[in-house]
N, C-alpha and C. Protein backbone atom coordinates (compact mmCIF):
# COMPACT_ATOMS: atom_id res chain seq x y z
N UNK A 1 -14.48 -19.18 105.26
CA UNK A 1 -14.83 -18.05 104.41
C UNK A 1 -14.59 -16.73 105.14
N UNK A 2 -14.89 -16.70 106.43
CA UNK A 2 -14.68 -15.46 107.19
C UNK A 2 -13.20 -15.10 107.29
N UNK A 3 -12.33 -16.08 107.19
CA UNK A 3 -10.91 -15.79 107.26
C UNK A 3 -10.42 -15.07 106.00
N UNK A 4 -11.15 -15.22 104.91
CA UNK A 4 -10.78 -14.55 103.67
C UNK A 4 -9.36 -14.90 103.24
N UNK A 5 -8.55 -13.87 102.97
CA UNK A 5 -7.18 -14.09 102.50
C UNK A 5 -6.30 -14.75 103.56
N UNK A 6 -6.79 -14.78 104.80
CA UNK A 6 -5.99 -15.41 105.87
C UNK A 6 -6.43 -16.86 106.11
N UNK A 7 -7.03 -17.47 105.11
CA UNK A 7 -7.45 -18.86 105.18
C UNK A 7 -6.30 -19.81 105.45
N UNK A 8 -5.09 -19.35 105.13
CA UNK A 8 -3.90 -20.18 105.39
C UNK A 8 -3.75 -20.47 106.89
N UNK A 9 -4.32 -19.61 107.76
CA UNK A 9 -4.26 -19.88 109.20
C UNK A 9 -4.98 -21.18 109.53
N UNK A 10 -6.14 -21.37 108.91
CA UNK A 10 -6.90 -22.60 109.12
C UNK A 10 -6.13 -23.80 108.57
N UNK A 11 -5.52 -23.65 107.40
CA UNK A 11 -4.72 -24.74 106.83
C UNK A 11 -3.62 -25.17 107.79
N UNK A 12 -2.91 -24.17 108.31
CA UNK A 12 -1.81 -24.48 109.23
C UNK A 12 -2.31 -25.09 110.53
N UNK A 13 -3.42 -24.57 111.03
CA UNK A 13 -4.01 -25.09 112.28
C UNK A 13 -4.44 -26.54 112.10
N UNK A 14 -5.15 -26.82 111.01
CA UNK A 14 -5.61 -28.18 110.76
C UNK A 14 -4.44 -29.14 110.56
N UNK A 15 -3.41 -28.66 109.88
CA UNK A 15 -2.23 -29.51 109.65
C UNK A 15 -1.61 -29.93 110.98
N UNK A 16 -1.44 -28.98 111.90
CA UNK A 16 -0.87 -29.31 113.21
C UNK A 16 -1.80 -30.20 114.02
N UNK A 17 -3.10 -29.94 113.95
CA UNK A 17 -4.08 -30.75 114.68
C UNK A 17 -4.05 -32.19 114.19
N UNK A 18 -4.09 -32.36 112.87
CA UNK A 18 -4.10 -33.72 112.30
C UNK A 18 -2.79 -34.46 112.62
N UNK A 19 -1.69 -33.74 112.61
CA UNK A 19 -0.40 -34.35 112.95
C UNK A 19 -0.43 -34.87 114.38
N UNK A 20 -1.00 -34.07 115.28
CA UNK A 20 -1.09 -34.49 116.68
C UNK A 20 -1.96 -35.73 116.83
N UNK A 21 -3.10 -35.74 116.15
CA UNK A 21 -4.01 -36.90 116.24
C UNK A 21 -3.34 -38.14 115.66
N UNK A 22 -2.63 -38.00 114.54
CA UNK A 22 -1.96 -39.14 113.94
C UNK A 22 -0.86 -39.71 114.81
N UNK A 23 -0.27 -38.88 115.66
CA UNK A 23 0.78 -39.36 116.56
C UNK A 23 0.22 -40.03 117.80
N UNK A 24 -1.09 -40.04 117.96
CA UNK A 24 -1.73 -40.58 119.15
C UNK A 24 -2.78 -41.61 118.75
N UNK A 25 -2.35 -42.71 118.17
CA UNK A 25 -3.28 -43.73 117.72
C UNK A 25 -3.87 -44.50 118.90
N UNK A 26 -5.16 -44.80 118.83
CA UNK A 26 -5.80 -45.52 119.91
C UNK A 26 -5.27 -46.95 120.03
N UNK A 27 -4.86 -47.53 118.91
CA UNK A 27 -4.31 -48.90 118.99
C UNK A 27 -3.01 -48.89 119.79
N UNK A 28 -2.17 -47.89 119.57
CA UNK A 28 -0.93 -47.79 120.35
C UNK A 28 -1.25 -47.57 121.82
N UNK A 29 -2.23 -46.71 122.08
CA UNK A 29 -2.60 -46.40 123.46
C UNK A 29 -3.15 -47.64 124.15
N UNK A 30 -3.93 -48.43 123.44
CA UNK A 30 -4.47 -49.66 124.01
C UNK A 30 -3.35 -50.63 124.36
N UNK A 31 -2.39 -50.75 123.46
CA UNK A 31 -1.24 -51.63 123.73
C UNK A 31 -0.44 -51.13 124.92
N UNK A 32 -0.31 -49.81 125.05
CA UNK A 32 0.40 -49.24 126.20
C UNK A 32 -0.33 -49.56 127.49
N UNK A 33 -1.65 -49.49 127.49
CA UNK A 33 -2.43 -49.81 128.69
C UNK A 33 -2.25 -51.26 129.11
N UNK A 34 -2.32 -52.17 128.14
CA UNK A 34 -2.11 -53.59 128.45
C UNK A 34 -0.68 -53.84 128.91
N UNK A 35 0.28 -53.21 128.23
CA UNK A 35 1.69 -53.38 128.60
C UNK A 35 1.98 -52.86 129.99
N UNK A 36 1.36 -51.76 130.35
CA UNK A 36 1.54 -51.20 131.69
C UNK A 36 1.04 -52.17 132.75
N UNK A 37 -0.11 -52.77 132.50
CA UNK A 37 -0.66 -53.75 133.45
C UNK A 37 0.29 -54.93 133.59
N UNK A 38 0.88 -55.37 132.49
CA UNK A 38 1.80 -56.50 132.54
C UNK A 38 3.06 -56.17 133.34
N UNK A 39 3.49 -54.91 133.29
CA UNK A 39 4.65 -54.49 134.08
C UNK A 39 4.35 -54.63 135.57
N UNK A 40 3.16 -54.23 135.97
CA UNK A 40 2.78 -54.36 137.38
C UNK A 40 2.57 -55.82 137.76
N UNK A 41 2.12 -56.63 136.80
CA UNK A 41 1.98 -58.06 137.06
C UNK A 41 3.35 -58.67 137.36
N UNK A 42 4.35 -58.26 136.60
CA UNK A 42 5.71 -58.76 136.83
C UNK A 42 6.21 -58.35 138.21
N UNK A 43 5.83 -57.15 138.66
CA UNK A 43 6.22 -56.71 140.00
C UNK A 43 5.56 -57.59 141.06
N UNK A 44 4.30 -57.95 140.84
CA UNK A 44 3.63 -58.87 141.76
C UNK A 44 4.37 -60.19 141.83
N UNK A 45 4.81 -60.71 140.69
CA UNK A 45 5.59 -61.95 140.66
C UNK A 45 6.87 -61.82 141.49
N UNK A 46 7.56 -60.69 141.31
CA UNK A 46 8.81 -60.48 142.03
C UNK A 46 8.58 -60.44 143.54
N UNK A 47 7.54 -59.76 143.97
CA UNK A 47 7.25 -59.67 145.39
C UNK A 47 6.88 -61.04 145.95
N UNK A 48 6.08 -61.79 145.21
CA UNK A 48 5.69 -63.13 145.67
C UNK A 48 6.87 -64.09 145.75
N UNK A 49 7.84 -63.88 144.89
CA UNK A 49 9.04 -64.74 144.89
C UNK A 49 10.12 -64.19 145.82
N UNK A 50 9.79 -63.12 146.54
CA UNK A 50 10.72 -62.46 147.45
C UNK A 50 12.00 -62.03 146.74
N UNK A 51 11.87 -61.65 145.48
CA UNK A 51 13.02 -61.16 144.74
C UNK A 51 13.49 -59.86 145.36
N UNK A 52 14.79 -59.65 145.42
CA UNK A 52 15.35 -58.43 145.99
C UNK A 52 14.90 -57.23 145.17
N UNK A 53 14.17 -56.32 145.79
CA UNK A 53 13.64 -55.17 145.08
C UNK A 53 14.21 -53.85 145.61
N UNK A 54 15.35 -53.91 146.29
CA UNK A 54 15.93 -52.67 146.81
C UNK A 54 16.23 -51.73 145.67
N UNK A 55 15.83 -50.48 145.85
CA UNK A 55 16.03 -49.48 144.81
C UNK A 55 15.07 -49.64 143.65
N UNK A 56 14.12 -50.56 143.78
CA UNK A 56 13.17 -50.81 142.70
C UNK A 56 11.91 -50.01 142.87
N UNK A 57 10.80 -50.63 142.59
CA UNK A 57 9.51 -49.97 142.59
C UNK A 57 9.07 -49.56 143.99
N UNK A 58 8.47 -48.37 144.11
CA UNK A 58 7.92 -47.96 145.41
C UNK A 58 6.70 -48.79 145.81
N UNK A 59 6.20 -49.58 144.88
CA UNK A 59 5.02 -50.39 145.17
C UNK A 59 5.37 -51.69 145.89
N UNK A 60 6.63 -52.07 145.91
CA UNK A 60 7.02 -53.34 146.53
C UNK A 60 6.57 -53.39 147.99
N UNK A 61 6.81 -52.31 148.73
CA UNK A 61 6.41 -52.29 150.14
C UNK A 61 4.89 -52.35 150.28
N UNK A 62 4.18 -51.66 149.40
CA UNK A 62 2.71 -51.69 149.44
C UNK A 62 2.19 -53.09 149.16
N UNK A 63 2.83 -53.78 148.21
CA UNK A 63 2.41 -55.15 147.91
C UNK A 63 2.69 -56.07 149.10
N UNK A 64 3.83 -55.84 149.76
CA UNK A 64 4.14 -56.60 150.97
C UNK A 64 3.09 -56.39 152.05
N UNK A 65 2.63 -55.14 152.19
CA UNK A 65 1.58 -54.84 153.16
C UNK A 65 0.28 -55.54 152.80
N UNK A 66 -0.04 -55.59 151.52
CA UNK A 66 -1.26 -56.27 151.08
C UNK A 66 -1.18 -57.76 151.43
N UNK A 67 -0.01 -58.35 151.21
CA UNK A 67 0.16 -59.78 151.56
C UNK A 67 -0.02 -60.02 153.05
N UNK A 68 0.47 -59.09 153.88
CA UNK A 68 0.31 -59.24 155.34
C UNK A 68 -1.15 -59.05 155.75
N UNK A 69 -1.82 -58.12 155.10
CA UNK A 69 -3.21 -57.83 155.43
C UNK A 69 -4.16 -58.93 154.95
N UNK A 70 -3.78 -59.63 153.87
CA UNK A 70 -4.62 -60.68 153.29
C UNK A 70 -3.80 -61.97 153.15
N UNK A 71 -3.51 -62.63 154.25
CA UNK A 71 -2.64 -63.81 154.21
C UNK A 71 -3.21 -64.98 153.40
N UNK A 72 -4.51 -64.96 153.14
CA UNK A 72 -5.10 -66.07 152.37
C UNK A 72 -4.50 -66.15 150.96
N UNK A 73 -3.95 -65.03 150.46
CA UNK A 73 -3.35 -65.04 149.12
C UNK A 73 -2.26 -66.09 149.03
N UNK A 74 -1.45 -66.20 150.07
CA UNK A 74 -0.33 -67.15 150.07
C UNK A 74 -0.76 -68.58 150.32
N UNK A 75 -2.02 -68.79 150.66
CA UNK A 75 -2.48 -70.15 150.95
C UNK A 75 -2.70 -70.99 149.70
N UNK A 76 -2.73 -70.36 148.54
CA UNK A 76 -2.94 -71.10 147.30
C UNK A 76 -1.62 -71.65 146.78
N UNK A 77 -1.68 -72.85 146.22
CA UNK A 77 -0.46 -73.49 145.72
C UNK A 77 -0.03 -72.92 144.37
N UNK A 78 -0.98 -72.46 143.58
CA UNK A 78 -0.68 -71.97 142.24
C UNK A 78 -0.15 -70.53 142.30
N UNK A 79 1.06 -70.33 141.79
CA UNK A 79 1.66 -68.99 141.82
C UNK A 79 0.87 -68.01 140.95
N UNK A 80 0.27 -68.50 139.87
CA UNK A 80 -0.54 -67.61 139.03
C UNK A 80 -1.74 -67.06 139.82
N UNK A 81 -2.35 -67.91 140.61
CA UNK A 81 -3.50 -67.48 141.41
C UNK A 81 -3.06 -66.45 142.45
N UNK A 82 -1.96 -66.70 143.10
CA UNK A 82 -1.44 -65.73 144.08
C UNK A 82 -1.18 -64.38 143.41
N UNK A 83 -0.55 -64.43 142.25
CA UNK A 83 -0.23 -63.19 141.53
C UNK A 83 -1.50 -62.44 141.14
N UNK A 84 -2.49 -63.15 140.62
CA UNK A 84 -3.72 -62.48 140.17
C UNK A 84 -4.48 -61.87 141.35
N UNK A 85 -4.47 -62.57 142.48
CA UNK A 85 -5.12 -62.02 143.68
C UNK A 85 -4.41 -60.77 144.17
N UNK A 86 -3.09 -60.83 144.22
CA UNK A 86 -2.31 -59.67 144.66
C UNK A 86 -2.53 -58.49 143.72
N UNK A 87 -2.53 -58.76 142.42
CA UNK A 87 -2.77 -57.70 141.44
C UNK A 87 -4.15 -57.07 141.65
N UNK A 88 -5.15 -57.91 141.89
CA UNK A 88 -6.52 -57.40 142.08
C UNK A 88 -6.59 -56.45 143.27
N UNK A 89 -5.92 -56.80 144.35
CA UNK A 89 -5.93 -55.93 145.52
C UNK A 89 -5.20 -54.60 145.26
N UNK A 90 -4.19 -54.63 144.41
CA UNK A 90 -3.37 -53.44 144.16
C UNK A 90 -3.79 -52.69 142.90
N UNK A 91 -4.79 -53.17 142.19
CA UNK A 91 -5.15 -52.61 140.88
C UNK A 91 -5.42 -51.10 140.92
N UNK A 92 -6.09 -50.61 141.95
CA UNK A 92 -6.39 -49.18 142.01
C UNK A 92 -5.13 -48.33 142.08
N UNK A 93 -4.20 -48.72 142.94
CA UNK A 93 -2.97 -47.91 143.03
C UNK A 93 -2.12 -48.06 141.77
N UNK A 94 -2.14 -49.25 141.19
CA UNK A 94 -1.42 -49.45 139.93
C UNK A 94 -1.99 -48.56 138.84
N UNK A 95 -3.32 -48.56 138.71
CA UNK A 95 -3.96 -47.80 137.65
C UNK A 95 -3.73 -46.30 137.81
N UNK A 96 -3.82 -45.81 139.04
CA UNK A 96 -3.57 -44.38 139.28
C UNK A 96 -2.16 -43.99 138.83
N UNK A 97 -1.19 -44.79 139.21
CA UNK A 97 0.20 -44.51 138.83
C UNK A 97 0.39 -44.64 137.32
N UNK A 98 -0.20 -45.66 136.73
CA UNK A 98 -0.05 -45.89 135.29
C UNK A 98 -0.63 -44.73 134.48
N UNK A 99 -1.81 -44.23 134.89
CA UNK A 99 -2.44 -43.12 134.17
C UNK A 99 -1.60 -41.86 134.31
N UNK A 100 -1.09 -41.61 135.51
CA UNK A 100 -0.22 -40.44 135.72
C UNK A 100 1.01 -40.52 134.82
N UNK A 101 1.62 -41.68 134.76
CA UNK A 101 2.80 -41.87 133.91
C UNK A 101 2.44 -41.73 132.43
N UNK A 102 1.27 -42.24 132.05
CA UNK A 102 0.81 -42.13 130.66
C UNK A 102 0.66 -40.67 130.26
N UNK A 103 0.02 -39.87 131.13
CA UNK A 103 -0.15 -38.44 130.85
C UNK A 103 1.19 -37.75 130.68
N UNK A 104 2.13 -38.07 131.54
CA UNK A 104 3.47 -37.46 131.46
C UNK A 104 4.13 -37.81 130.14
N UNK A 105 4.06 -39.09 129.76
CA UNK A 105 4.67 -39.53 128.50
C UNK A 105 3.98 -38.88 127.30
N UNK A 106 2.65 -38.76 127.35
CA UNK A 106 1.93 -38.13 126.25
C UNK A 106 2.30 -36.66 126.11
N UNK A 107 2.41 -35.99 127.26
CA UNK A 107 2.78 -34.57 127.24
C UNK A 107 4.17 -34.40 126.65
N UNK A 108 5.11 -35.25 127.09
CA UNK A 108 6.48 -35.18 126.55
C UNK A 108 6.50 -35.48 125.06
N UNK A 109 5.74 -36.48 124.64
CA UNK A 109 5.68 -36.85 123.23
C UNK A 109 5.11 -35.72 122.39
N UNK A 110 4.03 -35.10 122.89
CA UNK A 110 3.42 -33.98 122.16
C UNK A 110 4.40 -32.81 122.06
N UNK A 111 5.12 -32.57 123.13
CA UNK A 111 6.08 -31.46 123.13
C UNK A 111 7.20 -31.70 122.12
N UNK A 112 7.57 -32.96 121.95
CA UNK A 112 8.66 -33.30 121.02
C UNK A 112 8.21 -33.30 119.57
N UNK A 113 6.95 -33.62 119.33
CA UNK A 113 6.49 -33.75 117.94
C UNK A 113 5.58 -32.62 117.47
N UNK A 114 5.09 -31.81 118.39
CA UNK A 114 4.12 -30.80 118.01
C UNK A 114 4.50 -29.45 118.62
N UNK A 115 4.40 -28.43 117.83
CA UNK A 115 4.66 -27.07 118.30
C UNK A 115 3.38 -26.53 118.92
N UNK A 116 3.20 -26.80 120.21
CA UNK A 116 1.98 -26.41 120.91
C UNK A 116 1.82 -24.90 120.94
N UNK A 117 2.92 -24.19 121.08
CA UNK A 117 2.85 -22.72 121.11
C UNK A 117 2.32 -22.21 119.78
N UNK A 118 2.82 -22.78 118.68
CA UNK A 118 2.34 -22.36 117.36
C UNK A 118 0.86 -22.69 117.19
N UNK A 119 0.46 -23.87 117.65
CA UNK A 119 -0.94 -24.27 117.56
C UNK A 119 -1.83 -23.28 118.33
N UNK A 120 -1.41 -22.91 119.53
CA UNK A 120 -2.16 -21.93 120.33
C UNK A 120 -2.22 -20.57 119.67
N UNK A 121 -1.10 -20.15 119.09
CA UNK A 121 -1.06 -18.86 118.39
C UNK A 121 -2.02 -18.86 117.20
N UNK A 122 -2.00 -19.94 116.43
CA UNK A 122 -2.90 -20.03 115.28
C UNK A 122 -4.36 -19.97 115.72
N UNK A 123 -4.67 -20.70 116.81
CA UNK A 123 -6.04 -20.70 117.31
C UNK A 123 -6.47 -19.28 117.70
N UNK A 124 -5.60 -18.57 118.42
CA UNK A 124 -5.93 -17.20 118.85
C UNK A 124 -6.11 -16.26 117.66
N UNK A 125 -5.30 -16.44 116.63
CA UNK A 125 -5.44 -15.61 115.44
C UNK A 125 -6.77 -15.88 114.73
N UNK A 126 -7.11 -17.16 114.63
CA UNK A 126 -8.40 -17.53 114.01
C UNK A 126 -9.55 -16.99 114.85
N UNK A 127 -9.45 -17.15 116.16
CA UNK A 127 -10.50 -16.69 117.07
C UNK A 127 -10.70 -15.17 116.96
N UNK A 128 -9.59 -14.43 116.80
CA UNK A 128 -9.68 -12.96 116.70
C UNK A 128 -10.45 -12.54 115.45
N UNK A 129 -10.39 -13.35 114.40
CA UNK A 129 -11.07 -13.00 113.15
C UNK A 129 -12.52 -13.48 113.13
N UNK A 130 -12.75 -14.75 113.53
CA UNK A 130 -14.09 -15.32 113.39
C UNK A 130 -14.91 -15.25 114.68
N UNK A 131 -14.28 -14.95 115.80
CA UNK A 131 -14.98 -14.89 117.08
C UNK A 131 -14.85 -16.18 117.86
N UNK A 132 -14.99 -16.06 119.17
CA UNK A 132 -14.81 -17.21 120.06
C UNK A 132 -15.82 -18.33 119.80
N UNK A 133 -17.13 -18.03 119.62
CA UNK A 133 -18.08 -19.13 119.42
C UNK A 133 -17.75 -20.00 118.20
N UNK A 134 -17.37 -19.35 117.09
CA UNK A 134 -17.08 -20.13 115.89
C UNK A 134 -15.78 -20.92 116.05
N UNK A 135 -14.78 -20.33 116.69
CA UNK A 135 -13.51 -21.04 116.91
C UNK A 135 -13.73 -22.24 117.83
N UNK A 136 -14.55 -22.07 118.87
CA UNK A 136 -14.86 -23.18 119.77
C UNK A 136 -15.63 -24.28 119.06
N UNK A 137 -16.58 -23.87 118.19
CA UNK A 137 -17.34 -24.84 117.41
C UNK A 137 -16.42 -25.65 116.51
N UNK A 138 -15.45 -24.99 115.90
CA UNK A 138 -14.47 -25.68 115.06
C UNK A 138 -13.73 -26.73 115.88
N UNK A 139 -13.21 -26.33 117.04
CA UNK A 139 -12.48 -27.28 117.89
C UNK A 139 -13.35 -28.44 118.34
N UNK A 140 -14.58 -28.14 118.73
CA UNK A 140 -15.49 -29.19 119.18
C UNK A 140 -15.76 -30.19 118.06
N UNK A 141 -16.01 -29.70 116.87
CA UNK A 141 -16.29 -30.61 115.74
C UNK A 141 -15.07 -31.43 115.36
N UNK A 142 -13.90 -30.82 115.42
CA UNK A 142 -12.67 -31.58 115.14
C UNK A 142 -12.51 -32.71 116.15
N UNK A 143 -12.72 -32.40 117.42
CA UNK A 143 -12.56 -33.43 118.46
C UNK A 143 -13.62 -34.52 118.31
N UNK A 144 -14.87 -34.13 118.03
CA UNK A 144 -15.93 -35.12 117.88
C UNK A 144 -15.69 -36.03 116.68
N UNK A 145 -15.06 -35.50 115.65
CA UNK A 145 -14.83 -36.28 114.43
C UNK A 145 -13.58 -37.13 114.51
N UNK A 146 -12.50 -36.56 115.07
CA UNK A 146 -11.21 -37.24 115.00
C UNK A 146 -10.67 -37.75 116.33
N UNK A 147 -11.25 -37.30 117.44
CA UNK A 147 -10.84 -37.78 118.76
C UNK A 147 -12.05 -38.37 119.47
N UNK A 148 -12.64 -39.37 118.84
CA UNK A 148 -13.89 -39.95 119.33
C UNK A 148 -13.69 -40.59 120.70
N UNK A 149 -12.60 -41.30 120.86
CA UNK A 149 -12.30 -41.93 122.14
C UNK A 149 -11.11 -41.21 122.77
N UNK A 150 -11.33 -40.52 123.90
CA UNK A 150 -10.20 -39.86 124.57
C UNK A 150 -9.11 -40.88 124.92
N UNK A 151 -7.86 -40.52 124.68
CA UNK A 151 -6.76 -41.47 124.87
C UNK A 151 -6.67 -41.97 126.31
N UNK A 152 -6.94 -41.12 127.27
CA UNK A 152 -6.88 -41.56 128.67
C UNK A 152 -7.91 -42.65 128.93
N UNK A 153 -9.09 -42.52 128.35
CA UNK A 153 -10.13 -43.54 128.52
C UNK A 153 -9.72 -44.85 127.85
N UNK A 154 -9.10 -44.76 126.68
CA UNK A 154 -8.63 -45.96 125.97
C UNK A 154 -7.56 -46.67 126.81
N UNK A 155 -6.62 -45.89 127.36
CA UNK A 155 -5.55 -46.45 128.19
C UNK A 155 -6.15 -47.14 129.41
N UNK A 156 -7.06 -46.46 130.11
CA UNK A 156 -7.67 -47.03 131.31
C UNK A 156 -8.46 -48.30 130.97
N UNK A 157 -9.17 -48.29 129.83
CA UNK A 157 -9.95 -49.46 129.45
C UNK A 157 -9.05 -50.65 129.17
N UNK A 158 -7.94 -50.42 128.48
CA UNK A 158 -7.01 -51.51 128.18
C UNK A 158 -6.41 -52.08 129.47
N UNK A 159 -6.04 -51.19 130.39
CA UNK A 159 -5.51 -51.63 131.68
C UNK A 159 -6.57 -52.44 132.42
N UNK A 160 -7.81 -51.98 132.37
CA UNK A 160 -8.91 -52.67 133.05
C UNK A 160 -9.19 -54.03 132.41
N UNK A 161 -9.04 -54.12 131.09
CA UNK A 161 -9.20 -55.44 130.44
C UNK A 161 -8.19 -56.43 130.99
N UNK A 162 -6.98 -55.96 131.21
CA UNK A 162 -5.97 -56.85 131.79
C UNK A 162 -6.41 -57.32 133.18
N UNK A 163 -6.98 -56.40 133.96
CA UNK A 163 -7.50 -56.77 135.28
C UNK A 163 -8.63 -57.80 135.14
N UNK A 164 -9.49 -57.62 134.14
CA UNK A 164 -10.59 -58.57 133.94
C UNK A 164 -10.06 -59.97 133.62
N UNK A 165 -9.00 -60.05 132.83
CA UNK A 165 -8.39 -61.36 132.54
C UNK A 165 -7.90 -62.00 133.83
N UNK A 166 -7.35 -61.19 134.71
CA UNK A 166 -6.83 -61.71 135.97
C UNK A 166 -7.97 -62.17 136.89
N UNK A 167 -9.06 -61.40 136.91
CA UNK A 167 -10.20 -61.76 137.75
C UNK A 167 -10.89 -63.03 137.29
N UNK A 168 -10.80 -63.33 136.01
CA UNK A 168 -11.45 -64.55 135.49
C UNK A 168 -10.48 -65.73 135.38
N UNK A 169 -9.23 -65.54 135.81
CA UNK A 169 -8.27 -66.65 135.85
C UNK A 169 -8.83 -67.74 136.78
N UNK A 170 -8.76 -68.98 136.32
CA UNK A 170 -9.29 -70.09 137.12
C UNK A 170 -8.14 -70.80 137.83
N UNK A 171 -8.25 -70.88 139.14
CA UNK A 171 -7.26 -71.57 139.96
C UNK A 171 -7.39 -73.07 139.75
N UNK A 172 -6.29 -73.72 139.39
CA UNK A 172 -6.32 -75.17 139.11
C UNK A 172 -6.64 -75.98 140.36
N UNK A 173 -6.19 -75.53 141.49
CA UNK A 173 -6.37 -76.27 142.74
C UNK A 173 -7.84 -76.30 143.17
N UNK A 174 -8.51 -75.16 143.11
CA UNK A 174 -9.89 -75.07 143.61
C UNK A 174 -10.93 -75.06 142.50
N UNK A 175 -10.50 -74.88 141.27
CA UNK A 175 -11.37 -74.74 140.11
C UNK A 175 -12.32 -73.54 140.24
N UNK A 176 -11.86 -72.55 141.00
CA UNK A 176 -12.64 -71.32 141.15
C UNK A 176 -11.88 -70.17 140.51
N UNK A 177 -12.64 -69.19 140.02
CA UNK A 177 -12.02 -68.04 139.42
C UNK A 177 -11.60 -67.04 140.50
N UNK A 178 -10.64 -66.19 140.14
CA UNK A 178 -10.08 -65.25 141.12
C UNK A 178 -11.16 -64.38 141.74
N UNK A 179 -12.11 -63.90 140.94
CA UNK A 179 -13.15 -63.06 141.53
C UNK A 179 -13.96 -63.84 142.55
N UNK A 180 -14.14 -65.17 142.34
CA UNK A 180 -14.85 -66.00 143.30
C UNK A 180 -14.04 -66.16 144.59
N UNK A 181 -12.72 -66.31 144.41
CA UNK A 181 -11.85 -66.44 145.58
C UNK A 181 -11.87 -65.16 146.41
N UNK A 182 -11.91 -64.02 145.72
CA UNK A 182 -12.01 -62.75 146.44
C UNK A 182 -13.32 -62.67 147.21
N UNK A 183 -14.41 -63.07 146.57
CA UNK A 183 -15.71 -63.05 147.25
C UNK A 183 -15.74 -64.05 148.41
N UNK A 184 -15.09 -65.21 148.24
CA UNK A 184 -15.04 -66.21 149.31
C UNK A 184 -14.34 -65.65 150.55
N UNK A 185 -13.38 -64.78 150.33
CA UNK A 185 -12.58 -64.23 151.43
C UNK A 185 -12.98 -62.81 151.78
N UNK A 186 -14.14 -62.41 151.34
CA UNK A 186 -14.66 -61.08 151.63
C UNK A 186 -14.90 -60.95 153.12
N UNK A 187 -14.31 -59.93 153.72
CA UNK A 187 -14.49 -59.72 155.16
C UNK A 187 -15.81 -59.02 155.39
N UNK A 188 -16.63 -59.51 156.32
CA UNK A 188 -17.91 -58.87 156.60
C UNK A 188 -17.68 -57.48 157.21
N UNK A 189 -18.70 -56.61 157.11
CA UNK A 189 -18.57 -55.27 157.70
C UNK A 189 -18.22 -55.35 159.18
N UNK A 190 -17.39 -54.43 159.60
CA UNK A 190 -17.02 -54.35 161.02
C UNK A 190 -17.74 -53.16 161.63
N UNK A 191 -17.63 -53.01 162.95
CA UNK A 191 -18.29 -51.90 163.62
C UNK A 191 -17.73 -50.56 163.15
N UNK A 192 -16.44 -50.52 162.84
CA UNK A 192 -15.79 -49.27 162.44
C UNK A 192 -16.12 -48.90 161.00
N UNK A 193 -16.62 -49.83 160.23
CA UNK A 193 -16.91 -49.55 158.82
C UNK A 193 -16.93 -50.82 158.02
N UNK A 194 -16.71 -50.71 156.77
CA UNK A 194 -16.74 -51.86 155.87
C UNK A 194 -15.33 -52.22 155.45
N UNK A 195 -15.03 -53.50 155.49
CA UNK A 195 -13.73 -53.97 155.04
C UNK A 195 -13.92 -54.63 153.69
N UNK A 196 -13.28 -54.10 152.68
CA UNK A 196 -13.41 -54.64 151.33
C UNK A 196 -12.14 -55.33 150.90
N UNK A 197 -12.26 -56.34 150.03
CA UNK A 197 -11.04 -56.98 149.51
C UNK A 197 -10.31 -56.04 148.58
């Protein structure tokens, strides 16, 4: 109502906002998180099979270091168990890289499908008429209503679900789950600090 005859600014702003939200479905983001985890799982397989990775992933050397640091991983006969253990040790670095890549892809996607400059201009025009508190309230309510789950959190949760599947994988040889195998091989604290799997 405060916009009066310039109510079309709100129409245009909402149209761009809704378009952006529609292009960022949580189901797609969840699938991307799971798919990203599977890509890193395949890398673990390649490293365990000593597949030639020259010019490949920068993580190959890190995975090799993990195998040297935790030789018990190779003691299991089941390749699935070895892979899940290796993935568990590397999950933090995988997740950090995956989230960074996800943000880059989202930014590129938004730039290609949404006129961010126009959206910002519309917001500033609305703010100039109704004031900053009301414009901020509008944005907050839009986000609370239509962006209930932040996409980064959805992506991270999906990636983490993949890790949970790996941690609960049961080794056929020992009939123990991967998280149990990790706990079995947990190194006790040393004088210099704590050594964690």
